[in-house]
Amino acid sequence: MQVRKNIALVAHDNRKEDMMEYVGWNAEILARHNLICTGTTGRLVKETLENTLKRPLDEKITLLKSGPLGGDQQLGAAIAEGRVDLVFFLWDPMSPHPHDVDVKALLRIAIVYNVPIACNRATADFMITSPLMEKEYAPSIKDYSAYIQREV
């Protein structure tokens, strides 16, 4: 990970308000990094950052599809390709989701590739205030070559 991180921001509908509060509170920090967002969350993140910072956002925000339309899978692919350093994913554990299998796959792929993932505000607060947030960092990645070479 470079000093300028690639941060994914995802929020289910019932958690978007929490995410925008979080983004507003941490606007200065987030604006120093590259952001990757799914669907509506991306539009809201951009609006929140611009309103909080009182300037147009020149920083890069990559917009993916909405989660149920493939955005979670796009994000999972970006993680597997090494294009995501951190994930802030405020998901709603109390509501059924038509793309629940995609949500679980996204959580799984973040764990497989040792990408820090915050699924609640408390964890997100700890991650964004970590001294590692402003430094280069090399997380260890498990070697899966034996798994790939296995016989079926």
Protein backbone atom coordinates (compact mmCIF):
# COMPACT_ATOMS: atom_id res chain seq x y z
CA MET A 1 0.00 0.00 0.00
CA GLN A 2 1.22 3.43 -0.88
CA VAL A 3 0.69 6.48 1.33
CA ARG A 4 -2.25 7.43 -0.90
CA LYS A 5 -4.61 4.51 -0.35
CA ASN A 6 -7.32 3.07 -2.60
CA ILE A 7 -10.35 3.06 -0.31
CA ALA A 8 -13.65 1.39 -1.14
CA LEU A 9 -16.81 2.89 0.38
CA VAL A 10 -20.02 0.85 0.28
CA ALA A 11 -23.25 1.32 2.22
CA HIS A 12 -26.57 -0.46 2.09
CA ASP A 13 -29.62 1.80 1.86
CA ASN A 14 -30.34 1.68 5.61
CA ARG A 15 -26.71 2.59 6.34
CA LYS A 16 -26.16 5.38 3.78
CA GLU A 17 -26.97 8.08 6.32
CA ASP A 18 -24.34 6.62 8.69
CA MET A 19 -21.83 6.48 5.83
CA MET A 20 -22.43 10.11 4.83
CA GLU A 21 -22.03 11.23 8.45
CA TYR A 22 -18.77 9.25 8.56
CA VAL A 23 -17.59 10.72 5.24
CA GLY A 24 -18.40 14.26 6.40
CA TRP A 25 -16.59 13.74 9.69
CA ASN A 26 -13.51 12.32 7.90
CA ALA A 27 -13.64 14.43 4.72
CA GLU A 28 -10.12 15.84 4.99
CA ILE A 29 -8.58 12.40 5.40
CA LEU A 30 -10.67 10.72 2.70
CA ALA A 31 -9.96 13.51 0.20
CA ARG A 32 -6.25 12.61 0.34
CA HIS A 33 -6.94 9.12 -1.02
CA ASN A 34 -8.44 7.45 -4.09
CA LEU A 35 -12.03 6.39 -3.49
CA ILE A 36 -13.95 3.53 -5.06
CA CYS A 37 -17.69 3.45 -4.47
CA THR A 38 -20.69 1.43 -5.52
CA GLY A 39 -23.77 3.01 -7.11
CA THR A 40 -25.67 5.62 -5.17
CA THR A 41 -23.10 5.57 -2.38
CA GLY A 42 -20.53 7.09 -4.77
CA ARG A 43 -22.78 9.97 -5.77
CA LEU A 44 -23.60 10.69 -2.13
CA VAL A 45 -19.94 10.46 -1.09
CA LYS A 46 -18.94 13.00 -3.75
CA GLU A 47 -21.74 15.40 -2.73
CA THR A 48 -20.91 15.03 0.97
CA LEU A 49 -17.19 15.61 0.42
CA GLU A 50 -17.77 18.68 -1.76
CA ASN A 51 -20.28 20.16 0.70
CA THR A 52 -18.02 19.49 3.68
CA LEU A 53 -14.80 20.67 2.02
CA LYS A 54 -16.57 23.65 0.36
CA ARG A 55 -14.84 22.98 -2.97
CA PRO A 56 -15.23 20.79 -6.03
CA LEU A 57 -13.69 17.39 -5.52
CA ASP A 58 -10.74 17.01 -7.87
CA GLU A 59 -9.68 13.76 -6.28
CA LYS A 60 -10.46 10.56 -8.05
CA ILE A 61 -13.67 8.68 -7.24
CA THR A 62 -14.21 5.49 -9.21
CA LEU A 63 -17.90 4.68 -9.50
CA LEU A 64 -18.98 1.06 -9.79
CA LYS A 65 -22.45 -0.30 -10.45
CA SER A 66 -25.01 -0.53 -7.68
CA GLY A 67 -24.38 -3.54 -5.42
CA PRO A 68 -27.39 -5.59 -6.58
CA LEU A 69 -26.51 -4.82 -10.22
CA GLY A 70 -22.97 -6.18 -9.94
CA GLY A 71 -21.12 -3.48 -7.98
CA ASP A 72 -20.24 -5.85 -5.13
CA GLN A 73 -18.77 -8.27 -7.66
CA GLN A 74 -16.86 -5.47 -9.40
CA LEU A 75 -15.41 -4.48 -6.05
CA GLY A 76 -14.50 -8.09 -5.27
CA ALA A 77 -12.64 -8.29 -8.58
CA ALA A 78 -10.78 -5.06 -7.78
CA ILE A 79 -9.73 -6.55 -4.43
CA ALA A 80 -8.52 -9.77 -6.10
CA GLU A 81 -6.55 -7.68 -8.62
CA GLY A 82 -4.84 -5.71 -5.83
CA ARG A 83 -6.55 -2.40 -6.66
CA VAL A 84 -8.16 -1.91 -3.21
CA ASP A 85 -6.26 -1.25 0.02
CA LEU A 86 -9.11 -0.73 2.52
CA VAL A 87 -12.86 -1.30 2.53
CA PHE A 88 -15.44 0.60 4.55
CA PHE A 89 -18.60 -1.47 4.03
CA LEU A 90 -21.51 -0.42 6.21
CA TRP A 91 -23.94 -3.25 5.54
CA ASP A 92 -27.32 -3.79 7.09
CA PRO A 93 -27.44 -7.11 8.95
CA MET A 94 -31.12 -6.61 9.85
CA SER A 95 -32.57 -6.48 6.32
CA PRO A 96 -32.73 -9.17 3.65
CA HIS A 97 -30.84 -8.34 0.47
CA PRO A 98 -31.46 -9.77 -3.00
CA HIS A 99 -27.69 -9.86 -3.50
CA ASP A 100 -26.83 -11.47 -0.15
CA VAL A 101 -24.53 -14.01 -1.81
CA ASP A 102 -22.59 -11.13 -3.41
CA VAL A 103 -22.23 -9.43 -0.01
CA LYS A 104 -20.85 -12.64 1.51
CA ALA A 105 -18.51 -13.12 -1.44
CA LEU A 106 -17.20 -9.57 -1.03
CA LEU A 107 -16.53 -10.11 2.67
CA ARG A 108 -14.85 -13.43 1.90
CA ILE A 109 -12.56 -12.05 -0.83
CA ALA A 110 -11.44 -9.21 1.46
CA ILE A 111 -10.42 -11.80 4.05
CA VAL A 112 -8.67 -14.03 1.47
CA TYR A 113 -6.55 -11.08 0.26
CA ASN A 114 -5.97 -9.68 3.77
CA VAL A 115 -7.63 -6.35 2.95
CA PRO A 116 -8.76 -4.46 6.07
CA ILE A 117 -12.55 -4.22 6.04
CA ALA A 118 -14.70 -2.21 8.43
CA CYS A 119 -18.33 -3.29 8.63
CA ASN A 120 -19.34 -0.88 11.38
CA ARG A 121 -18.57 2.69 12.43
CA ALA A 122 -16.41 1.73 15.39
CA THR A 123 -14.06 -0.36 13.26
CA ALA A 124 -14.05 2.33 10.56
CA ASP A 125 -13.07 4.91 13.21
CA PHE A 126 -10.17 2.75 14.38
CA MET A 127 -8.97 2.11 10.83
CA ILE A 128 -9.05 5.71 9.64
CA THR A 129 -7.26 6.98 12.74
CA SER A 130 -4.56 4.31 12.59
CA PRO A 131 -1.01 5.67 12.15
CA LEU A 132 -0.73 3.21 9.23
CA MET A 133 -3.32 5.25 7.33
CA GLU A 134 -0.72 7.85 6.37
CA LYS A 135 2.20 5.48 5.78
CA GLU A 136 3.25 2.87 3.28
CA TYR A 137 2.25 -0.55 4.48
CA ALA A 138 2.89 -4.05 3.17
CA PRO A 139 0.29 -6.49 4.48
CA SER A 140 1.23 -10.14 4.37
CA ILE A 141 -0.65 -12.13 1.78
CA LYS A 142 -1.07 -15.87 2.22
CA ASP A 143 0.59 -17.90 -0.50
CA TYR A 144 -2.17 -19.86 -2.23
CA SER A 145 0.08 -21.46 -4.86
CA ALA A 146 -0.32 -24.92 -3.25
CA TYR A 147 -4.08 -24.50 -3.42
CA ILE A 148 -3.90 -23.59 -7.10
CA GLN A 149 -1.64 -26.60 -7.82
CA ARG A 150 -3.80 -29.10 -5.93
CA GLU A 151 -5.17 -32.19 -7.64
CA VAL A 152 -8.89 -32.52 -7.85
